[in-house]
Amino acid sequence: MVTPRSGGTDSDGIPDDELTDFLSLLRELETTGCNLLVVGAARPGLFTRASASLLGDPETLRYRLLAATDASPRTVVERLPDPSASPRPLAETTRIVNHATTPRSVTTTSDSNAPECISEIPETRVADPGLEGLETALVEGVETLGSDAGDPRPAELRVGLDSLGCLLDYYETGVVRRCLRTVGECVRENRGMAHYVLEESYDSDRVRTLAEDVDAVIEIRSVDSERHDHDAQQRWHVPNRDLTTDWVRL
């Protein structure tokens, strides 16, 4: 979980009283399972950073399902934990679903800096004119990892999809929303945490529409590192609680 800090407002953190309420909400979301939308006007690398954080601490046992619609092998690697830090081999705890216009492997890469173990991660390639294939692959992936975990602890199962942009460009919004609802329900049944990347402004029509189908929206932005002593910030929006946090360090 990308968790805001306390101590002030704006780039310094959330006021202590608001932070207490917000952390209580985060614990509730982690306990019951949740679906998050990651959006904003930011460079692609910041979405990769946020996604990696939401997929969980590398040194803690997590079961991860990463769906790539337009992500490169390099960004897939950057989202996953360092194999040397992971408590179990990635091939045992991780699944990749590859949904692209021209499906190419994202676990087979010539990048000399990529760990060899990525090629051992099970990868499902989906050619899907109607989006049912992606929906099925995600649901099956969640159920498989949930079974592998036994009785998964809250937030032990993590799901990420990068990105929704190309899906929305190709499919009707209603079709994408139905897919997210089905996948989201499966995630909640397994007390997991899923996040979906959409590289658009929080005020965009597509973000506002999809926000109705998730538990919270995480908005990220780039900032001047010399002024703020960091280069990126986040704030959370929880529409059904009428809650928006201050901007804090990502």
Foldseek 3Di string as FASTA:
>chain_A
DPQFDEDDFFAATFDPVVSVVVVVVVVVCLQQPFEEEEEEQADPVVVLVVLLVQQHDQQDQAAEEEEEAPDALVSVQSSHHDQVRHPDQCQLRYEYEYHYCPTDDSQDDPPPPRDVSSVSHHYHYDDDLQCPRVLVVLLVSLVVNLVSCPLDGRARYEYEYPACAVVVVRDPLVSVLVSLLSSRVSRSVSNHYYYHYDHHHCPDPSNVVSLVRTQKYKYKYFDDCVVSVAGMWIWMDGPVVRDIGHTYHD
